[in-house]
PDB file of N, CA and C in Angstrom:
ATOM      1  N   MET A   1     -64.726  53.053   1.221  1.00  0.00           N
ATOM      2  CA  MET A   1     -64.450  54.272   1.943  1.00  0.00           C
ATOM      3  C   MET A   1     -65.404  54.429   3.130  1.00  0.00           C
ATOM      4  N   LEU A   2     -66.683  54.145   2.941  1.00  0.00           N
ATOM      5  CA  LEU A   2     -67.644  54.257   4.035  1.00  0.00           C
ATOM      6  C   LEU A   2     -67.318  53.281   5.156  1.00  0.00           C
ATOM      7  N   LYS A   3     -66.793  52.110   4.794  1.00  0.00           N
ATOM      8  CA  LYS A   3     -66.448  51.118   5.811  1.00  0.00           C
ATOM      9  C   LYS A   3     -65.347  51.644   6.730  1.00  0.00           C
ATOM     10  N   SER A   4     -64.326  52.281   6.166  1.00  0.00           N
ATOM     11  CA  SER A   4     -63.236  52.798   7.003  1.00  0.00           C
ATOM     12  C   SER A   4     -63.705  53.955   7.883  1.00  0.00           C
ATOM     13  N   VAL A   5     -64.605  54.775   7.403  1.00  0.00           N
ATOM     14  CA  VAL A   5     -65.163  55.856   8.218  1.00  0.00           C
ATOM     15  C   VAL A   5     -65.977  55.265   9.358  1.00  0.00           C
ATOM     16  N   HIS A   6     -66.807  54.259   9.053  1.00  0.00           N
ATOM     17  CA  HIS A   6     -67.613  53.604  10.077  1.00  0.00           C
ATOM     18  C   HIS A   6     -66.712  52.961  11.133  1.00  0.00           C
ATOM     19  N   GLU A   7     -65.628  52.293  10.727  1.00  0.00           N
ATOM     20  CA  GLU A   7     -64.711  51.660  11.678  1.00  0.00           C
ATOM     21  C   GLU A   7     -64.020  52.699  12.553  1.00  0.00           C
ATOM     22  N   THR A   8     -63.671  53.835  11.987  1.00  0.00           N
ATOM     23  CA  THR A   8     -63.029  54.903  12.762  1.00  0.00           C
ATOM     24  C   THR A   8     -63.981  55.468  13.805  1.00  0.00           C
ATOM     25  N   LEU A   9     -65.224  55.635  13.447  1.00  0.00           N
ATOM     26  CA  LEU A   9     -66.195  56.235  14.357  1.00  0.00           C
ATOM     27  C   LEU A   9     -66.735  55.237  15.390  1.00  0.00           C
ATOM     28  N   PHE A  10     -67.049  54.012  14.965  1.00  0.00           N
ATOM     29  CA  PHE A  10     -67.745  53.073  15.838  1.00  0.00           C
ATOM     30  C   PHE A  10     -66.953  51.811  16.170  1.00  0.00           C
ATOM     31  N   GLY A  11     -65.769  51.640  15.621  1.00  0.00           N
ATOM     32  CA  GLY A  11     -64.975  50.441  15.854  1.00  0.00           C
ATOM     33  C   GLY A  11     -65.264  49.384  14.810  1.00  0.00           C
ATOM     34  N   ALA A  12     -64.486  48.310  14.848  1.00  0.00           N
ATOM     35  CA  ALA A  12     -64.628  47.228  13.878  1.00  0.00           C
ATOM     36  C   ALA A  12     -64.562  45.890  14.613  1.00  0.00           C
ATOM     37  N   VAL A  13     -65.008  44.833  13.958  1.00  0.00           N
ATOM     38  CA  VAL A  13     -64.909  43.499  14.539  1.00  0.00           C
ATOM     39  C   VAL A  13     -63.439  43.125  14.621  1.00  0.00           C
ATOM     40  N   ARG A  14     -62.989  42.801  15.827  1.00  0.00           N
ATOM     41  CA  ARG A  14     -61.586  42.464  16.061  1.00  0.00           C
ATOM     42  C   ARG A  14     -61.364  40.962  16.027  1.00  0.00           C
ATOM     43  N   LYS A  15     -62.270  40.200  16.651  1.00  0.00           N
ATOM     44  CA  LYS A  15     -62.190  38.741  16.649  1.00  0.00           C
ATOM     45  C   LYS A  15     -63.532  38.162  17.073  1.00  0.00           C
ATOM     46  N   ILE A  16     -63.723  36.865  16.762  1.00  0.00           N
ATOM     47  CA  ILE A  16     -64.954  36.163  17.114  1.00  0.00           C
ATOM     48  C   ILE A  16     -64.575  34.886  17.846  1.00  0.00           C
ATOM     49  N   ASP A  17     -65.185  34.673  19.025  1.00  0.00           N
ATOM     50  CA  ASP A  17     -64.975  33.454  19.807  1.00  0.00           C
ATOM     51  C   ASP A  17     -66.277  32.672  19.854  1.00  0.00           C
ATOM     52  N   ILE A  18     -66.196  31.378  19.506  1.00  0.00           N
ATOM     53  CA  ILE A  18     -67.349  30.496  19.584  1.00  0.00           C
ATOM     54  C   ILE A  18     -67.147  29.595  20.789  1.00  0.00           C
ATOM     55  N   HIS A  19     -68.041  29.677  21.770  1.00  0.00           N
ATOM     56  CA  HIS A  19     -67.977  28.847  22.972  1.00  0.00           C
ATOM     57  C   HIS A  19     -69.088  27.802  22.880  1.00  0.00           C
ATOM     58  N   CYS A  20     -68.707  26.532  22.846  1.00  0.00           N
ATOM     59  CA  CYS A  20     -69.713  25.480  22.737  1.00  0.00           C
ATOM     60  C   CYS A  20     -69.206  24.196  23.377  1.00  0.00           C
ATOM     61  N   SER A  21     -70.131  23.291  23.641  1.00  0.00           N
ATOM     62  CA  SER A  21     -69.783  22.042  24.315  1.00  0.00           C
ATOM     63  C   SER A  21     -69.408  20.938  23.334  1.00  0.00           C
ATOM     64  N   SER A  22     -69.698  21.109  22.063  1.00  0.00           N
ATOM     65  CA  SER A  22     -69.417  20.089  21.057  1.00  0.00           C
ATOM     66  C   SER A  22     -68.429  20.611  20.016  1.00  0.00           C
ATOM     67  N   PRO A  23     -67.315  19.897  19.792  1.00  0.00           N
ATOM     68  CA  PRO A  23     -66.353  20.341  18.770  1.00  0.00           C
ATOM     69  C   PRO A  23     -66.962  20.363  17.369  1.00  0.00           C
ATOM     70  N   ASN A  24     -67.881  19.422  17.076  1.00  0.00           N
ATOM     71  CA  ASN A  24     -68.517  19.389  15.758  1.00  0.00           C
ATOM     72  C   ASN A  24     -69.366  20.630  15.516  1.00  0.00           C
ATOM     73  N   MET A  25     -70.129  21.016  16.531  1.00  0.00           N
ATOM     74  CA  MET A  25     -70.972  22.207  16.414  1.00  0.00           C
ATOM     75  C   MET A  25     -70.104  23.449  16.227  1.00  0.00           C
ATOM     76  N   GLY A  26     -69.030  23.545  17.002  1.00  0.00           N
ATOM     77  CA  GLY A  26     -68.127  24.687  16.887  1.00  0.00           C
ATOM     78  C   GLY A  26     -67.480  24.770  15.519  1.00  0.00           C
ATOM     79  N   GLY A  27     -67.064  23.621  14.985  1.00  0.00           N
ATOM     80  CA  GLY A  27     -66.452  23.602  13.659  1.00  0.00           C
ATOM     81  C   GLY A  27     -67.433  24.010  12.570  1.00  0.00           C
ATOM     82  N   ASN A  28     -68.672  23.541  12.682  1.00  0.00           N
ATOM     83  CA  ASN A  28     -69.693  23.911  11.697  1.00  0.00           C
ATOM     84  C   ASN A  28     -69.998  25.406  11.756  1.00  0.00           C
ATOM     85  N   MET A  29     -70.096  25.949  12.960  1.00  0.00           N
ATOM     86  CA  MET A  29     -70.354  27.382  13.108  1.00  0.00           C
ATOM     87  C   MET A  29     -69.184  28.199  12.570  1.00  0.00           C
ATOM     88  N   GLN A  30     -67.967  27.736  12.842  1.00  0.00           N
ATOM     89  CA  GLN A  30     -66.776  28.432  12.361  1.00  0.00           C
ATOM     90  C   GLN A  30     -66.738  28.443  10.829  1.00  0.00           C
ATOM     91  N   ASP A  31     -67.025  27.309  10.206  1.00  0.00           N
ATOM     92  CA  ASP A  31     -67.042  27.244   8.739  1.00  0.00           C
ATOM     93  C   ASP A  31     -68.108  28.163   8.153  1.00  0.00           C
ATOM     94  N   GLY A  32     -69.297  28.173   8.773  1.00  0.00           N
ATOM     95  CA  GLY A  32     -70.367  29.045   8.297  1.00  0.00           C
ATOM     96  C   GLY A  32     -70.014  30.519   8.406  1.00  0.00           C
ATOM     97  N   LEU A  33     -69.394  30.906   9.528  1.00  0.00           N
ATOM     98  CA  LEU A  33     -68.980  32.305   9.694  1.00  0.00           C
ATOM     99  C   LEU A  33     -67.893  32.679   8.702  1.00  0.00           C
ATOM    100  N   ARG A  34     -66.945  31.781   8.476  1.00  0.00           N
ATOM    101  CA  ARG A  34     -65.865  32.061   7.516  1.00  0.00           C
ATOM    102  C   ARG A  34     -66.434  32.276   6.111  1.00  0.00           C
ATOM    103  N   GLN A  35     -67.419  31.484   5.720  1.00  0.00           N
ATOM    104  CA  GLN A  35     -68.024  31.650   4.395  1.00  0.00           C
ATOM    105  C   GLN A  35     -68.741  32.991   4.291  1.00  0.00           C
ATOM    106  N   ARG A  36     -69.448  33.377   5.343  1.00  0.00           N
ATOM    107  CA  ARG A  36     -70.177  34.652   5.303  1.00  0.00           C
ATOM    108  C   ARG A  36     -69.230  35.843   5.372  1.00  0.00           C
ATOM    109  N   LEU A  37     -68.175  35.749   6.173  1.00  0.00           N
ATOM    110  CA  LEU A  37     -67.237  36.862   6.318  1.00  0.00           C
ATOM    111  C   LEU A  37     -66.241  36.938   5.170  1.00  0.00           C
ATOM    112  N   ASN A  38     -66.138  35.883   4.376  1.00  0.00           N
ATOM    113  CA  ASN A  38     -65.210  35.869   3.256  1.00  0.00           C
ATOM    114  C   ASN A  38     -65.522  36.991   2.273  1.00  0.00           C
ATOM    115  N   ILE A  39     -66.793  37.353   2.187  1.00  0.00           N
ATOM    116  CA  ILE A  39     -67.201  38.427   1.287  1.00  0.00           C
ATOM    117  C   ILE A  39     -66.625  39.760   1.775  1.00  0.00           C
ATOM    118  N   PHE A  40     -66.587  39.960   3.091  1.00  0.00           N
ATOM    119  CA  PHE A  40     -66.208  41.255   3.644  1.00  0.00           C
ATOM    120  C   PHE A  40     -64.748  41.333   4.071  1.00  0.00           C
ATOM    121  N   ASP A  41     -64.308  40.396   4.909  1.00  0.00           N
ATOM    122  CA  ASP A  41     -62.973  40.527   5.495  1.00  0.00           C
ATOM    123  C   ASP A  41     -62.456  39.166   5.926  1.00  0.00           C
ATOM    124  N   GLN A  42     -61.303  38.771   5.389  1.00  0.00           N
ATOM    125  CA  GLN A  42     -60.723  37.479   5.727  1.00  0.00           C
ATOM    126  C   GLN A  42     -59.796  37.555   6.930  1.00  0.00           C
ATOM    127  N   SER A  43     -59.503  38.742   7.401  1.00  0.00           N
ATOM    128  CA  SER A  43     -58.508  38.886   8.464  1.00  0.00           C
ATOM    129  C   SER A  43     -59.087  38.768   9.876  1.00  0.00           C
ATOM    130  N   ILE A  44     -60.370  38.558  10.014  1.00  0.00           N
ATOM    131  CA  ILE A  44     -60.977  38.443  11.339  1.00  0.00           C
ATOM    132  C   ILE A  44     -60.756  37.024  11.868  1.00  0.00           C
ATOM    133  N   PRO A  45     -60.023  36.872  12.976  1.00  0.00           N
ATOM    134  CA  PRO A  45     -59.807  35.528  13.525  1.00  0.00           C
ATOM    135  C   PRO A  45     -61.067  34.981  14.193  1.00  0.00           C
ATOM    136  N   ILE A  46     -61.362  33.716  13.914  1.00  0.00           N
ATOM    137  CA  ILE A  46     -62.509  33.025  14.506  1.00  0.00           C
ATOM    138  C   ILE A  46     -61.979  31.803  15.234  1.00  0.00           C
ATOM    139  N   SER A  47     -62.189  31.743  16.556  1.00  0.00           N
ATOM    140  CA  SER A  47     -61.687  30.611  17.334  1.00  0.00           C
ATOM    141  C   SER A  47     -62.843  29.873  18.005  1.00  0.00           C
ATOM    142  N   VAL A  48     -62.634  28.562  18.193  1.00  0.00           N
ATOM    143  CA  VAL A  48     -63.620  27.718  18.867  1.00  0.00           C
ATOM    144  C   VAL A  48     -63.056  27.347  20.226  1.00  0.00           C
ATOM    145  N   LYS A  49     -63.818  27.623  21.276  1.00  0.00           N
ATOM    146  CA  LYS A  49     -63.403  27.301  22.633  1.00  0.00           C
ATOM    147  C   LYS A  49     -64.448  26.364  23.240  1.00  0.00           C
ATOM    148  N   LEU A  50     -63.997  25.197  23.652  1.00  0.00           N
ATOM    149  CA  LEU A  50     -64.914  24.226  24.239  1.00  0.00           C
ATOM    150  C   LEU A  50     -65.213  24.599  25.680  1.00  0.00           C
ATOM    151  N   SER A  51     -66.478  24.460  26.062  1.00  0.00           N
ATOM    152  CA  SER A  51     -66.888  24.782  27.426  1.00  0.00           C
ATOM    153  C   SER A  51     -67.636  23.599  28.013  1.00  0.00           C
ATOM    154  N   ALA A  52     -67.553  23.439  29.312  1.00  0.00           N
ATOM    155  CA  ALA A  52     -68.229  22.346  30.006  1.00  0.00           C
ATOM    156  C   ALA A  52     -69.697  22.682  30.270  1.00  0.00           C
ATOM    157  N   ASP A  53     -70.065  23.945  30.150  1.00  0.00           N
ATOM    158  CA  ASP A  53     -71.450  24.361  30.372  1.00  0.00           C
ATOM    159  C   ASP A  53     -72.332  23.905  29.218  1.00  0.00           C
ATOM    160  N   SER A  54     -73.612  23.887  29.449  1.00  0.00           N
ATOM    161  CA  SER A  54     -74.543  23.513  28.382  1.00  0.00           C
ATOM    162  C   SER A  54     -75.007  24.727  27.585  1.00  0.00           C
ATOM    163  N   VAL A  55     -74.415  25.890  27.844  1.00  0.00           N
ATOM    164  CA  VAL A  55     -74.775  27.105  27.127  1.00  0.00           C
ATOM    165  C   VAL A  55     -73.780  27.321  25.990  1.00  0.00           C
ATOM    166  N   ASN A  56     -74.302  27.414  24.779  1.00  0.00           N
ATOM    167  CA  ASN A  56     -73.473  27.696  23.607  1.00  0.00           C
ATOM    168  C   ASN A  56     -73.674  29.161  23.229  1.00  0.00           C
ATOM    169  N   PHE A  57     -72.566  29.881  23.022  1.00  0.00           N
ATOM    170  CA  PHE A  57     -72.700  31.286  22.652  1.00  0.00           C
ATOM    171  C   PHE A  57     -71.536  31.725  21.778  1.00  0.00           C
ATOM    172  N   VAL A  58     -71.756  32.829  21.070  1.00  0.00           N
ATOM    173  CA  VAL A  58     -70.742  33.443  20.225  1.00  0.00           C
ATOM    174  C   VAL A  58     -70.455  34.824  20.801  1.00  0.00           C
ATOM    175  N   MET A  59     -69.171  35.135  20.975  1.00  0.00           N
ATOM    176  CA  MET A  59     -68.776  36.437  21.486  1.00  0.00           C
ATOM    177  C   MET A  59     -68.021  37.181  20.374  1.00  0.00           C
ATOM    178  N   ILE A  60     -68.531  38.362  20.019  1.00  0.00           N
ATOM    179  CA  ILE A  60     -67.935  39.174  18.961  1.00  0.00           C
ATOM    180  C   ILE A  60     -67.240  40.358  19.624  1.00  0.00           C
ATOM    181  N   HIS A  61     -65.927  40.451  19.454  1.00  0.00           N
ATOM    182  CA  HIS A  61     -65.122  41.513  20.064  1.00  0.00           C
ATOM    183  C   HIS A  61     -64.937  42.654  19.057  1.00  0.00           C
ATOM    184  N   TYR A  62     -65.164  43.880  19.523  1.00  0.00           N
ATOM    185  CA  TYR A  62     -65.028  45.069  18.686  1.00  0.00           C
ATOM    186  C   TYR A  62     -63.872  45.934  19.178  1.00  0.00           C
ATOM    187  N   SER A  63     -63.197  46.595  18.248  1.00  0.00           N
ATOM    188  CA  SER A  63     -62.150  47.540  18.616  1.00  0.00           C
ATOM    189  C   SER A  63     -62.788  48.876  19.008  1.00  0.00           C
ATOM    190  N   LYS A  64     -61.984  49.758  19.546  1.00  0.00           N
ATOM    191  CA  LYS A  64     -62.450  51.067  19.994  1.00  0.00           C
ATOM    192  C   LYS A  64     -62.651  51.997  18.791  1.00  0.00           C
ATOM    193  N   GLY A  65     -63.700  52.796  18.848  1.00  0.00           N
ATOM    194  CA  GLY A  65     -63.946  53.838  17.863  1.00  0.00           C
ATOM    195  C   GLY A  65     -64.040  55.182  18.576  1.00  0.00           C
ATOM    196  N   LEU A  66     -64.218  56.240  17.831  1.00  0.00           N
ATOM    197  CA  LEU A  66     -64.324  57.567  18.453  1.00  0.00           C
ATOM    198  C   LEU A  66     -65.583  57.701  19.301  1.00  0.00           C
ATOM    199  N   PHE A  67     -66.687  57.084  18.879  1.00  0.00           N
ATOM    200  CA  PHE A  67     -67.956  57.211  19.586  1.00  0.00           C
ATOM    201  C   PHE A  67     -68.328  55.981  20.398  1.00  0.00           C
ATOM    202  N   ARG A  68     -67.490  54.962  20.399  1.00  0.00           N
ATOM    203  CA  ARG A  68     -67.834  53.715  21.082  1.00  0.00           C
ATOM    204  C   ARG A  68     -66.583  53.118  21.712  1.00  0.00           C
ATOM    205  N   PRO A  69     -66.672  52.655  22.952  1.00  0.00           N
ATOM    206  CA  PRO A  69     -65.510  52.030  23.586  1.00  0.00           C
ATOM    207  C   PRO A  69     -65.304  50.608  23.047  1.00  0.00           C
ATOM    208  N   GLN A  70     -64.150  50.062  23.351  1.00  0.00           N
ATOM    209  CA  GLN A  70     -63.894  48.660  23.021  1.00  0.00           C
ATOM    210  C   GLN A  70     -64.889  47.815  23.797  1.00  0.00           C
ATOM    211  N   HIS A  71     -65.536  46.849  23.139  1.00  0.00           N
ATOM    212  CA  HIS A  71     -66.581  46.069  23.805  1.00  0.00           C
ATOM    213  C   HIS A  71     -66.759  44.728  23.100  1.00  0.00           C
ATOM    214  N   ALA A  72     -67.653  43.933  23.638  1.00  0.00           N
ATOM    215  CA  ALA A  72     -67.986  42.642  23.032  1.00  0.00           C
ATOM    216  C   ALA A  72     -69.489  42.430  23.114  1.00  0.00           C
ATOM    217  N   ASP A  73     -70.050  41.831  22.080  1.00  0.00           N
ATOM    218  CA  ASP A  73     -71.448  41.438  22.062  1.00  0.00           C
ATOM    219  C   ASP A  73     -71.514  39.923  22.203  1.00  0.00           C
ATOM    220  N   VAL A  74     -72.541  39.441  22.891  1.00  0.00           N
ATOM    221  CA  VAL A  74     -72.713  38.000  23.105  1.00  0.00           C
ATOM    222  C   VAL A  74     -74.032  37.575  22.463  1.00  0.00           C
ATOM    223  N   LEU A  75     -73.976  36.509  21.664  1.00  0.00           N
ATOM    224  CA  LEU A  75     -75.156  35.920  21.059  1.00  0.00           C
ATOM    225  C   LEU A  75     -75.299  34.510  21.607  1.00  0.00           C
ATOM    226  N   VAL A  76     -76.316  34.290  22.422  1.00  0.00           N
ATOM    227  CA  VAL A  76     -76.542  32.983  23.041  1.00  0.00           C
ATOM    228  C   VAL A  76     -77.237  32.083  22.022  1.00  0.00           C
ATOM    229  N   MET A  77     -76.671  30.881  21.810  1.00  0.00           N
ATOM    230  CA  MET A  77     -77.215  29.941  20.833  1.00  0.00           C
ATOM    231  C   MET A  77     -78.176  28.946  21.479  1.00  0.00           C
ATOM    232  N   SER A  78     -77.950  28.574  22.740  1.00  0.00           N
ATOM    233  CA  SER A  78     -78.868  27.640  23.423  1.00  0.00           C
ATOM    234  C   SER A  78     -78.720  27.776  24.915  1.00  0.00           C
TER     235      SER A  78
END
């Protein structure tokens, strides 16, 4: 119940994009995230997008809530 109230007020994770230069690294990160999110929610899509840059990052997209607009957070890996 608290989770649905929190999602209504602040939004929820809508999808996760992994941007990396190596398919192996992206696959390993995707598997690790799926194992961790399996406890909470299996419906969050996680995609791996290959990039030519040497910067690896994860982008977490959030839905809109009453107190927070739709947005994305970026976690730089290297």
